[in-house]
Amino acid sequence: MSTGTDARIHNIGYRSYSGERLGVSHARRALFTHSLRGSFGLGRSARSKVLPMGLFAIMMAPALVMVAIAAFVGLDELPIEYTSYALFMQPIVGLYIALAAPQMVSLDLRYKVTPLYFSRPIERGDYVAAKYAALSSAIFLFVALPLVIAYVGGLLAELGFADQTKGFAQGLVISVVFSLMHAAIALWVASLTPRRGFGVAAVIGVLTIPYFAVTAIQAVAYDAGSEETLGWIGIFSPGSVIDGIQSAFLGGTSGYPFEEPPTDIAGVALLATAVLVTVACYLLLGRRYRKAGL
């Protein structure tokens, strides 16, 4: 048993912070940077880099191949249009999104670290905005960097500066629309479950099942002689919405059955659908964090 002479009092108080307080804006930027790096496996283990970097390499491969073909065979234009590249590689893009979105939000929910984010200085709206900006930027880089390779290769192959620049600019525009819409959908879906595996499966299902269903229904409608309905049917699939927008407003080749572009009114409806879906999913994502008290 200890005697009175063995008692000790230790000063274990916290040291006060005397450095610069960087504030909310710095916290938002740090969360954005951390999330963006994590979407490509940067700052994580080597195993975590395999899938995102492997998918990115696959995404770049067609751009390199078609540039090489154009240069050595002497083509007048690139085999794949700039506005259609993301749609042509949609299975790869969809898989990347399905991996990146749960990585950004599902793991925070699973390990219950979101209260630490919200303790201070950022709020729930700051968290949602940073995650959405990070995933949108990641998707944009994923689909736009191959366009840069194709554009530089097209200029080196002397395919025509004006045509290549116009197509490249149009490709960047549709890449922005693609990124904003798919990031909102994927983050909201991934935020519904703390299980990363479930989040991956859910995102894949939401992005792919409607696309195949819409494509099949469009083919039936075309065979029935209802070409004017193809664009309206396309509003039920994110991929079909993007396809309709790029063919209606940017002069791209439609991926609809028999390359039938949507009518002008349907094109406007598709653009409105993209805006409404993006805004709705973003608001639902914010409501998810407020309602759940996360």
C-alpha atoms as a PDB file:
ATOM      1  CA  MET A   1       0.000   0.000   0.000  1.00  0.00           C
ATOM      2  CA  SER A   2       1.273   3.469  -0.874  1.00  0.00           C
ATOM      3  CA  THR A   3       2.085   5.858   1.898  1.00  0.00           C
ATOM      4  CA  GLY A   4       1.456   9.557   1.918  1.00  0.00           C
ATOM      5  CA  THR A   5       5.072  10.258   1.057  1.00  0.00           C
ATOM      6  CA  ASP A   6       4.695   8.345  -2.276  1.00  0.00           C
ATOM      7  CA  ALA A   7       2.020  10.691  -3.677  1.00  0.00           C
ATOM      8  CA  ARG A   8       2.928  12.688  -6.798  1.00  0.00           C
ATOM      9  CA  ILE A   9       1.151  15.438  -8.706  1.00  0.00           C
ATOM     10  CA  HIS A  10       1.969  15.626 -12.419  1.00  0.00           C
ATOM     11  CA  ASN A  11       1.182  18.569 -14.651  1.00  0.00           C
ATOM     12  CA  ILE A  12      -0.253  16.924 -17.796  1.00  0.00           C
ATOM     13  CA  GLY A  13      -2.223  19.912 -19.020  1.00  0.00           C
ATOM     14  CA  TYR A  14      -2.547  20.575 -22.760  1.00  0.00           C
ATOM     15  CA  ARG A  15      -0.171  22.996 -24.393  1.00  0.00           C
ATOM     16  CA  SER A  16      -1.887  25.989 -25.913  1.00  0.00           C
ATOM     17  CA  TYR A  17      -1.705  26.413 -29.697  1.00  0.00           C
ATOM     18  CA  SER A  18       0.292  29.495 -30.621  1.00  0.00           C
ATOM     19  CA  GLY A  19       0.428  29.076 -34.413  1.00  0.00           C
ATOM     20  CA  GLU A  20      -1.659  30.691 -37.109  1.00  0.00           C
ATOM     21  CA  ARG A  21      -5.322  29.651 -37.234  1.00  0.00           C
ATOM     22  CA  LEU A  22      -6.045  28.983 -40.899  1.00  0.00           C
ATOM     23  CA  GLY A  23      -9.827  28.937 -40.657  1.00  0.00           C
ATOM     24  CA  VAL A  24     -12.691  27.259 -42.483  1.00  0.00           C
ATOM     25  CA  SER A  25     -11.469  27.907 -46.030  1.00  0.00           C
ATOM     26  CA  HIS A  26      -8.215  26.094 -45.360  1.00  0.00           C
ATOM     27  CA  ALA A  27     -10.093  23.160 -43.808  1.00  0.00           C
ATOM     28  CA  ARG A  28     -12.323  22.925 -46.886  1.00  0.00           C
ATOM     29  CA  ARG A  29      -9.305  22.976 -49.213  1.00  0.00           C
ATOM     30  CA  ALA A  30      -7.537  20.344 -47.123  1.00  0.00           C
ATOM     31  CA  LEU A  31     -10.601  18.070 -47.225  1.00  0.00           C
ATOM     32  CA  PHE A  32     -10.943  18.618 -50.978  1.00  0.00           C
ATOM     33  CA  THR A  33      -7.267  17.827 -51.603  1.00  0.00           C
ATOM     34  CA  HIS A  34      -7.326  14.772 -49.339  1.00  0.00           C
ATOM     35  CA  SER A  35     -10.462  13.408 -51.046  1.00  0.00           C
ATOM     36  CA  LEU A  36      -9.139  14.083 -54.551  1.00  0.00           C
ATOM     37  CA  ARG A  37      -5.847  12.362 -53.831  1.00  0.00           C
ATOM     38  CA  GLY A  38      -7.649   9.436 -52.245  1.00  0.00           C
ATOM     39  CA  SER A  39      -9.795   8.917 -55.359  1.00  0.00           C
ATOM     40  CA  PHE A  40      -6.615   7.980 -57.269  1.00  0.00           C
ATOM     41  CA  GLY A  41      -5.071   6.060 -54.368  1.00  0.00           C
ATOM     42  CA  LEU A  42      -2.480   8.746 -53.650  1.00  0.00           C
ATOM     43  CA  GLY A  43      -1.345   8.883 -50.043  1.00  0.00           C
ATOM     44  CA  ARG A  44      -2.605   5.348 -49.484  1.00  0.00           C
ATOM     45  CA  SER A  45      -1.055   1.900 -49.680  1.00  0.00           C
ATOM     46  CA  ALA A  46       0.310   0.500 -52.941  1.00  0.00           C
ATOM     47  CA  ARG A  47      -2.575  -1.960 -53.093  1.00  0.00           C
ATOM     48  CA  SER A  48      -5.065   0.894 -52.997  1.00  0.00           C
ATOM     49  CA  LYS A  49      -3.449   2.441 -56.075  1.00  0.00           C
ATOM     50  CA  VAL A  50      -3.768  -0.628 -58.296  1.00  0.00           C
ATOM     51  CA  LEU A  51      -7.420  -0.336 -59.337  1.00  0.00           C
ATOM     52  CA  PRO A  52      -7.716   3.449 -59.875  1.00  0.00           C
ATOM     53  CA  MET A  53      -4.383   3.697 -61.649  1.00  0.00           C
ATOM     54  CA  GLY A  54      -5.095   0.562 -63.677  1.00  0.00           C
ATOM     55  CA  LEU A  55      -8.455   1.937 -64.782  1.00  0.00           C
ATOM     56  CA  PHE A  56      -6.820   5.252 -65.637  1.00  0.00           C
ATOM     57  CA  ALA A  57      -4.251   3.455 -67.785  1.00  0.00           C
ATOM     58  CA  ILE A  58      -7.060   1.616 -69.594  1.00  0.00           C
ATOM     59  CA  MET A  59      -8.841   4.945 -70.061  1.00  0.00           C
ATOM     60  CA  MET A  60      -5.751   6.450 -71.688  1.00  0.00           C
ATOM     61  CA  ALA A  61      -4.996   3.496 -73.956  1.00  0.00           C
ATOM     62  CA  PRO A  62      -7.575   4.165 -76.738  1.00  0.00           C
ATOM     63  CA  ALA A  63      -6.448   7.801 -76.997  1.00  0.00           C
ATOM     64  CA  LEU A  64      -2.842   6.727 -77.487  1.00  0.00           C
ATOM     65  CA  VAL A  65      -3.799   4.007 -79.961  1.00  0.00           C
ATOM     66  CA  MET A  66      -6.009   6.207 -82.134  1.00  0.00           C
ATOM     67  CA  VAL A  67      -3.356   8.946 -82.194  1.00  0.00           C
ATOM     68  CA  ALA A  68      -0.767   6.403 -83.340  1.00  0.00           C
ATOM     69  CA  ILE A  69      -3.129   5.092 -86.021  1.00  0.00           C
ATOM     70  CA  ALA A  70      -3.932   8.612 -87.222  1.00  0.00           C
ATOM     71  CA  ALA A  71      -0.241   9.492 -87.420  1.00  0.00           C
ATOM     72  CA  PHE A  72       1.023   6.364 -89.203  1.00  0.00           C
ATOM     73  CA  VAL A  73      -1.973   5.518 -91.387  1.00  0.00           C
ATOM     74  CA  GLY A  74      -2.728   9.092 -92.383  1.00  0.00           C
ATOM     75  CA  LEU A  75      -6.354   9.448 -91.285  1.00  0.00           C
ATOM     76  CA  ASP A  76      -8.236  12.708 -91.831  1.00  0.00           C
ATOM     77  CA  GLU A  77      -9.847  12.600 -88.385  1.00  0.00           C
ATOM     78  CA  LEU A  78      -9.616  10.679 -85.129  1.00  0.00           C
ATOM     79  CA  PRO A  79     -11.644   7.438 -84.997  1.00  0.00           C
ATOM     80  CA  ILE A  80     -13.462   8.503 -81.798  1.00  0.00           C
ATOM     81  CA  GLU A  81     -14.993  11.957 -81.468  1.00  0.00           C
ATOM     82  CA  TYR A  82     -13.960  14.097 -78.508  1.00  0.00           C
ATOM     83  CA  THR A  83     -17.573  14.411 -77.353  1.00  0.00           C
ATOM     84  CA  SER A  84     -18.098  10.636 -77.507  1.00  0.00           C
ATOM     85  CA  TYR A  85     -14.935   9.471 -75.749  1.00  0.00           C
ATOM     86  CA  ALA A  86     -16.402   9.318 -72.228  1.00  0.00           C
ATOM     87  CA  LEU A  87     -19.463   7.496 -73.553  1.00  0.00           C
ATOM     88  CA  PHE A  88     -17.306   5.074 -75.544  1.00  0.00           C
ATOM     89  CA  MET A  89     -15.371   4.284 -72.351  1.00  0.00           C
ATOM     90  CA  GLN A  90     -18.456   4.388 -70.135  1.00  0.00           C
ATOM     91  CA  PRO A  91     -17.956   0.931 -68.516  1.00  0.00           C
ATOM     92  CA  ILE A  92     -14.474   1.942 -67.366  1.00  0.00           C
ATOM     93  CA  VAL A  93     -15.624   5.372 -66.210  1.00  0.00           C
ATOM     94  CA  GLY A  94     -18.579   3.845 -64.380  1.00  0.00           C
ATOM     95  CA  LEU A  95     -16.349   1.375 -62.568  1.00  0.00           C
ATOM     96  CA  TYR A  96     -13.971   4.158 -61.530  1.00  0.00           C
ATOM     97  CA  ILE A  97     -16.855   6.268 -60.201  1.00  0.00           C
ATOM     98  CA  ALA A  98     -18.228   3.263 -58.329  1.00  0.00           C
ATOM     99  CA  LEU A  99     -14.845   2.827 -56.619  1.00  0.00           C
ATOM    100  CA  ALA A 100     -14.178   6.500 -55.911  1.00  0.00           C
ATOM    101  CA  ALA A 101     -17.547   7.599 -54.491  1.00  0.00           C
ATOM    102  CA  PRO A 102     -17.725   5.070 -51.619  1.00  0.00           C
ATOM    103  CA  GLN A 103     -14.075   5.755 -50.876  1.00  0.00           C
ATOM    104  CA  MET A 104     -14.986   9.397 -50.232  1.00  0.00           C
ATOM    105  CA  VAL A 105     -18.073   9.006 -48.050  1.00  0.00           C
ATOM    106  CA  SER A 106     -18.823   5.391 -47.097  1.00  0.00           C
ATOM    107  CA  LEU A 107     -15.616   4.884 -45.128  1.00  0.00           C
ATOM    108  CA  ASP A 108     -16.212   8.064 -43.123  1.00  0.00           C
ATOM    109  CA  LEU A 109     -19.666   6.744 -42.230  1.00  0.00           C
ATOM    110  CA  ARG A 110     -18.435   3.254 -41.426  1.00  0.00           C
ATOM    111  CA  TYR A 111     -15.697   4.378 -39.050  1.00  0.00           C
ATOM    112  CA  LYS A 112     -17.885   7.178 -37.630  1.00  0.00           C
ATOM    113  CA  VAL A 113     -15.340   9.951 -38.197  1.00  0.00           C
ATOM    114  CA  THR A 114     -17.789  12.501 -39.585  1.00  0.00           C
ATOM    115  CA  PRO A 115     -18.467  13.964 -36.105  1.00  0.00           C
ATOM    116  CA  LEU A 116     -14.766  14.768 -35.928  1.00  0.00           C
ATOM    117  CA  TYR A 117     -15.034  16.753 -39.153  1.00  0.00           C
ATOM    118  CA  PHE A 118     -18.041  18.658 -37.841  1.00  0.00           C
ATOM    119  CA  SER A 119     -16.638  19.383 -34.396  1.00  0.00           C
ATOM    120  CA  ARG A 120     -14.907  22.426 -35.871  1.00  0.00           C
ATOM    121  CA  PRO A 121     -14.323  24.420 -37.941  1.00  0.00           C
ATOM    122  CA  ILE A 122     -16.250  23.061 -40.973  1.00  0.00           C
ATOM    123  CA  GLU A 123     -20.010  22.522 -41.124  1.00  0.00           C
ATOM    124  CA  ARG A 124     -21.993  19.775 -42.846  1.00  0.00           C
ATOM    125  CA  GLY A 125     -22.473  21.958 -45.924  1.00  0.00           C
ATOM    126  CA  ASP A 126     -18.709  22.477 -46.167  1.00  0.00           C
ATOM    127  CA  TYR A 127     -18.137  18.721 -45.977  1.00  0.00           C
ATOM    128  CA  VAL A 128     -20.674  17.989 -48.728  1.00  0.00           C
ATOM    129  CA  ALA A 129     -19.326  20.768 -50.966  1.00  0.00           C
ATOM    130  CA  ALA A 130     -15.721  19.597 -50.562  1.00  0.00           C
ATOM    131  CA  LYS A 131     -16.568  15.958 -51.296  1.00  0.00           C
ATOM    132  CA  TYR A 132     -18.691  16.887 -54.314  1.00  0.00           C
ATOM    133  CA  ALA A 133     -15.994  19.188 -55.706  1.00  0.00           C
ATOM    134  CA  ALA A 134     -13.371  16.481 -55.185  1.00  0.00           C
ATOM    135  CA  LEU A 135     -15.306  13.726 -56.955  1.00  0.00           C
ATOM    136  CA  SER A 136     -16.361  16.067 -59.788  1.00  0.00           C
ATOM    137  CA  SER A 137     -12.724  17.070 -60.283  1.00  0.00           C
ATOM    138  CA  ALA A 138     -11.564  13.453 -60.152  1.00  0.00           C
ATOM    139  CA  ILE A 139     -14.084  12.357 -62.784  1.00  0.00           C
ATOM    140  CA  PHE A 140     -13.228  15.344 -64.960  1.00  0.00           C
ATOM    141  CA  LEU A 141      -9.516  14.520 -64.838  1.00  0.00           C
ATOM    142  CA  PHE A 142     -10.302  10.882 -65.546  1.00  0.00           C
ATOM    143  CA  VAL A 143     -12.269  11.672 -68.732  1.00  0.00           C
ATOM    144  CA  ALA A 144     -10.505  14.858 -69.871  1.00  0.00           C
ATOM    145  CA  LEU A 145      -6.843  13.863 -69.730  1.00  0.00           C
ATOM    146  CA  PRO A 146      -7.284  11.298 -72.540  1.00  0.00           C
ATOM    147  CA  LEU A 147      -8.817  14.115 -74.603  1.00  0.00           C
ATOM    148  CA  VAL A 148      -5.683  16.173 -74.020  1.00  0.00           C
ATOM    149  CA  ILE A 149      -3.568  13.284 -75.314  1.00  0.00           C
ATOM    150  CA  ALA A 150      -5.842  12.922 -78.345  1.00  0.00           C
ATOM    151  CA  TYR A 151      -5.765  16.674 -79.020  1.00  0.00           C
ATOM    152  CA  VAL A 152      -1.979  16.958 -78.840  1.00  0.00           C
ATOM    153  CA  GLY A 153      -1.623  13.844 -80.979  1.00  0.00           C
ATOM    154  CA  GLY A 154      -4.117  15.194 -83.497  1.00  0.00           C
ATOM    155  CA  LEU A 155      -2.154  18.408 -83.860  1.00  0.00           C
ATOM    156  CA  LEU A 156       1.118  16.516 -84.257  1.00  0.00           C
ATOM    157  CA  ALA A 157      -0.537  14.361 -86.918  1.00  0.00           C
ATOM    158  CA  GLU A 158      -1.600  17.569 -88.698  1.00  0.00           C
ATOM    159  CA  LEU A 159      -5.314  16.759 -88.671  1.00  0.00           C
ATOM    160  CA  GLY A 160      -6.280  20.424 -88.773  1.00  0.00           C
ATOM    161  CA  PHE A 161      -5.903  22.956 -85.978  1.00  0.00           C
ATOM    162  CA  ALA A 162      -9.379  24.506 -86.232  1.00  0.00           C
ATOM    163  CA  ASP A 163     -11.296  21.209 -86.328  1.00  0.00           C
ATOM    164  CA  GLN A 164      -9.244  19.644 -83.547  1.00  0.00           C
ATOM    165  CA  THR A 165      -9.518  22.688 -81.300  1.00  0.00           C
ATOM    166  CA  LYS A 166     -13.274  22.923 -81.805  1.00  0.00           C
ATOM    167  CA  GLY A 167     -13.774  19.215 -81.112  1.00  0.00           C
ATOM    168  CA  PHE A 168     -11.488  19.360 -78.076  1.00  0.00           C
ATOM    169  CA  ALA A 169     -13.392  22.324 -76.613  1.00  0.00           C
ATOM    170  CA  GLN A 170     -16.690  20.538 -77.144  1.00  0.00           C
ATOM    171  CA  GLY A 171     -15.257  17.438 -75.506  1.00  0.00           C
ATOM    172  CA  LEU A 172     -14.251  19.466 -72.442  1.00  0.00           C
ATOM    173  CA  VAL A 173     -17.743  20.960 -72.204  1.00  0.00           C
ATOM    174  CA  ILE A 174     -19.475  17.581 -72.213  1.00  0.00           C
ATOM    175  CA  SER A 175     -16.833  16.269 -69.780  1.00  0.00           C
ATOM    176  CA  VAL A 176     -17.817  18.999 -67.304  1.00  0.00           C
ATOM    177  CA  VAL A 177     -21.515  18.138 -67.625  1.00  0.00           C
ATOM    178  CA  PHE A 178     -20.716  14.421 -67.323  1.00  0.00           C
ATOM    179  CA  SER A 179     -18.581  14.957 -64.212  1.00  0.00           C
ATOM    180  CA  LEU A 180     -21.008  17.212 -62.352  1.00  0.00           C
ATOM    181  CA  MET A 181     -24.004  14.969 -62.954  1.00  0.00           C
ATOM    182  CA  HIS A 182     -22.348  11.622 -62.232  1.00  0.00           C
ATOM    183  CA  ALA A 183     -20.551  12.931 -59.126  1.00  0.00           C
ATOM    184  CA  ALA A 184     -23.832  14.101 -57.579  1.00  0.00           C
ATOM    185  CA  ILE A 185     -25.590  10.807 -58.304  1.00  0.00           C
ATOM    186  CA  ALA A 186     -22.715   8.604 -57.127  1.00  0.00           C
ATOM    187  CA  LEU A 187     -22.063  10.496 -53.879  1.00  0.00           C
ATOM    188  CA  TRP A 188     -25.715  10.467 -52.874  1.00  0.00           C
ATOM    189  CA  VAL A 189     -26.038   6.736 -53.584  1.00  0.00           C
ATOM    190  CA  ALA A 190     -22.776   5.932 -51.778  1.00  0.00           C
ATOM    191  CA  SER A 191     -23.804   7.986 -48.740  1.00  0.00           C
ATOM    192  CA  LEU A 192     -26.810   5.717 -48.148  1.00  0.00           C
ATOM    193  CA  THR A 193     -24.652   2.871 -46.818  1.00  0.00           C
ATOM    194  CA  PRO A 194     -21.531   2.723 -44.643  1.00  0.00           C
ATOM    195  CA  ARG A 195     -20.481  -0.502 -46.374  1.00  0.00           C
ATOM    196  CA  ARG A 196     -18.059   0.201 -49.188  1.00  0.00           C
ATOM    197  CA  GLY A 197     -18.891  -2.998 -51.061  1.00  0.00           C
ATOM    198  CA  PHE A 198     -22.605  -2.220 -51.004  1.00  0.00           C
ATOM    199  CA  GLY A 199     -21.842   1.322 -52.143  1.00  0.00           C
ATOM    200  CA  VAL A 200     -19.808   0.080 -55.100  1.00  0.00           C
ATOM    201  CA  ALA A 201     -22.567  -2.311 -56.172  1.00  0.00           C
ATOM    202  CA  ALA A 202     -25.265   0.332 -55.740  1.00  0.00           C
ATOM    203  CA  VAL A 203     -23.437   2.935 -57.812  1.00  0.00           C
ATOM    204  CA  ILE A 204     -22.748   0.420 -60.584  1.00  0.00           C
ATOM    205  CA  GLY A 205     -26.412  -0.574 -60.587  1.00  0.00           C
ATOM    206  CA  VAL A 206     -27.702   3.002 -60.718  1.00  0.00           C
ATOM    207  CA  LEU A 207     -25.369   3.955 -63.577  1.00  0.00           C
ATOM    208  CA  THR A 208     -25.583   0.813 -65.723  1.00  0.00           C
ATOM    209  CA  ILE A 209     -28.979  -0.863 -65.332  1.00  0.00           C
ATOM    210  CA  PRO A 210     -30.990   2.170 -66.522  1.00  0.00           C
ATOM    211  CA  TYR A 211     -28.625   2.617 -69.478  1.00  0.00           C
ATOM    212  CA  PHE A 212     -29.159  -0.913 -70.819  1.00  0.00           C
ATOM    213  CA  ALA A 213     -32.888  -0.730 -70.134  1.00  0.00           C
ATOM    214  CA  VAL A 214     -33.220   2.610 -71.940  1.00  0.00           C
ATOM    215  CA  THR A 215     -31.139   1.397 -74.894  1.00  0.00           C
ATOM    216  CA  ALA A 216     -33.379  -1.648 -75.291  1.00  0.00           C
ATOM    217  CA  ILE A 217     -36.561   0.441 -75.099  1.00  0.00           C
ATOM    218  CA  GLN A 218     -35.142   2.935 -77.608  1.00  0.00           C
ATOM    219  CA  ALA A 219     -34.412   0.123 -80.044  1.00  0.00           C
ATOM    220  CA  VAL A 220     -38.004  -1.102 -79.748  1.00  0.00           C
ATOM    221  CA  ALA A 221     -39.326   2.443 -80.237  1.00  0.00           C
ATOM    222  CA  TYR A 222     -37.152   2.941 -83.314  1.00  0.00           C
ATOM    223  CA  ASP A 223     -38.340  -0.306 -84.866  1.00  0.00           C
ATOM    224  CA  ALA A 224     -41.902   0.815 -84.193  1.00  0.00           C
ATOM    225  CA  GLY A 225     -41.271   4.024 -86.160  1.00  0.00           C
ATOM    226  CA  SER A 226     -41.299   6.343 -83.119  1.00  0.00           C
ATOM    227  CA  GLU A 227     -37.939   8.042 -83.699  1.00  0.00           C
ATOM    228  CA  GLU A 228     -39.131  11.284 -82.091  1.00  0.00           C
ATOM    229  CA  THR A 229     -39.522   9.522 -78.719  1.00  0.00           C
ATOM    230  CA  LEU A 230     -35.895   8.357 -78.453  1.00  0.00           C
ATOM    231  CA  GLY A 231     -34.711  11.515 -76.718  1.00  0.00           C
ATOM    232  CA  TRP A 232     -37.597  11.455 -74.255  1.00  0.00           C
ATOM    233  CA  ILE A 233     -36.855   7.854 -73.346  1.00  0.00           C
ATOM    234  CA  GLY A 234     -33.215   8.843 -72.760  1.00  0.00           C
ATOM    235  CA  ILE A 235     -34.064  11.011 -69.737  1.00  0.00           C
ATOM    236  CA  PHE A 236     -34.286   7.874 -67.584  1.00  0.00           C
ATOM    237  CA  SER A 237     -30.578   7.027 -67.835  1.00  0.00           C
ATOM    238  CA  PRO A 238     -27.585   9.236 -66.885  1.00  0.00           C
ATOM    239  CA  GLY A 239     -25.522   7.915 -69.786  1.00  0.00           C
ATOM    240  CA  SER A 240     -28.331   8.428 -72.288  1.00  0.00           C
ATOM    241  CA  VAL A 241     -28.858  11.984 -71.004  1.00  0.00           C
ATOM    242  CA  ILE A 242     -25.203  12.838 -71.669  1.00  0.00           C
ATOM    243  CA  ASP A 243     -25.349  11.133 -75.066  1.00  0.00           C
ATOM    244  CA  GLY A 244     -28.422  13.134 -76.039  1.00  0.00           C
ATOM    245  CA  ILE A 245     -26.884  16.427 -74.923  1.00  0.00           C
ATOM    246  CA  GLN A 246     -23.653  15.937 -76.857  1.00  0.00           C
ATOM    247  CA  SER A 247     -25.486  14.955 -80.031  1.00  0.00           C
ATOM    248  CA  ALA A 248     -28.172  17.646 -79.756  1.00  0.00           C
ATOM    249  CA  PHE A 249     -25.991  20.643 -78.850  1.00  0.00           C
ATOM    250  CA  LEU A 250     -22.369  19.765 -79.651  1.00  0.00           C
ATOM    251  CA  GLY A 251     -22.732  18.058 -83.000  1.00  0.00           C
ATOM    252  CA  GLY A 252     -21.526  14.663 -81.809  1.00  0.00           C
ATOM    253  CA  THR A 253     -22.618  11.343 -83.246  1.00  0.00           C
ATOM    254  CA  SER A 254     -25.531   9.933 -81.286  1.00  0.00           C
ATOM    255  CA  GLY A 255     -25.219   6.606 -79.549  1.00  0.00           C
ATOM    256  CA  TYR A 256     -28.958   6.120 -79.807  1.00  0.00           C
ATOM    257  CA  PRO A 257     -30.203   3.276 -82.048  1.00  0.00           C
ATOM    258  CA  PHE A 258     -29.050   3.820 -85.636  1.00  0.00           C
ATOM    259  CA  GLU A 259     -27.358   7.084 -84.539  1.00  0.00           C
ATOM    260  CA  GLU A 260     -30.718   8.849 -84.434  1.00  0.00           C
ATOM    261  CA  PRO A 261     -30.207  12.187 -82.594  1.00  0.00           C
ATOM    262  CA  PRO A 262     -32.914  13.553 -80.276  1.00  0.00           C
ATOM    263  CA  THR A 263     -35.281  16.253 -81.491  1.00  0.00           C
ATOM    264  CA  ASP A 264     -34.621  19.865 -80.485  1.00  0.00           C
ATOM    265  CA  ILE A 265     -37.300  19.829 -77.802  1.00  0.00           C
ATOM    266  CA  ALA A 266     -36.066  16.491 -76.459  1.00  0.00           C
ATOM    267  CA  GLY A 267     -32.538  17.892 -76.392  1.00  0.00           C
ATOM    268  CA  VAL A 268     -33.680  20.774 -74.193  1.00  0.00           C
ATOM    269  CA  ALA A 269     -35.497  18.284 -71.967  1.00  0.00           C
ATOM    270  CA  LEU A 270     -32.326  16.209 -71.642  1.00  0.00           C
ATOM    271  CA  LEU A 271     -30.287  19.278 -70.659  1.00  0.00           C
ATOM    272  CA  ALA A 272     -32.939  20.275 -68.113  1.00  0.00           C
ATOM    273  CA  THR A 273     -32.909  16.716 -66.766  1.00  0.00           C
ATOM    274  CA  ALA A 274     -29.144  16.843 -66.267  1.00  0.00           C
ATOM    275  CA  VAL A 275     -29.431  20.094 -64.303  1.00  0.00           C
ATOM    276  CA  LEU A 276     -32.375  18.921 -62.200  1.00  0.00           C
ATOM    277  CA  VAL A 277     -30.837  15.531 -61.386  1.00  0.00           C
ATOM    278  CA  THR A 278     -27.528  17.135 -60.410  1.00  0.00           C
ATOM    279  CA  VAL A 279     -29.153  19.724 -58.142  1.00  0.00           C
ATOM    280  CA  ALA A 280     -31.587  17.217 -56.637  1.00  0.00           C
ATOM    281  CA  CYS A 281     -28.890  14.659 -55.792  1.00  0.00           C
ATOM    282  CA  TYR A 282     -26.669  17.350 -54.279  1.00  0.00           C
ATOM    283  CA  LEU A 283     -29.523  18.604 -52.099  1.00  0.00           C
ATOM    284  CA  LEU A 284     -30.422  15.049 -51.083  1.00  0.00           C
ATOM    285  CA  LEU A 285     -26.777  14.461 -50.150  1.00  0.00           C
ATOM    286  CA  GLY A 286     -26.793  17.518 -47.906  1.00  0.00           C
ATOM    287  CA  ARG A 287     -30.135  16.486 -46.392  1.00  0.00           C
ATOM    288  CA  ARG A 288     -28.726  13.027 -45.720  1.00  0.00           C
ATOM    289  CA  TYR A 289     -26.055  14.460 -43.435  1.00  0.00           C
ATOM    290  CA  ARG A 290     -28.384  16.932 -41.721  1.00  0.00           C
ATOM    291  CA  LYS A 291     -31.222  14.474 -41.160  1.00  0.00           C
ATOM    292  CA  ALA A 292     -29.035  11.642 -39.920  1.00  0.00           C
ATOM    293  CA  GLY A 293     -27.272  13.965 -37.481  1.00  0.00           C
ATOM    294  CA  LEU A 294     -23.929  12.795 -38.812  1.00  0.00           C
END
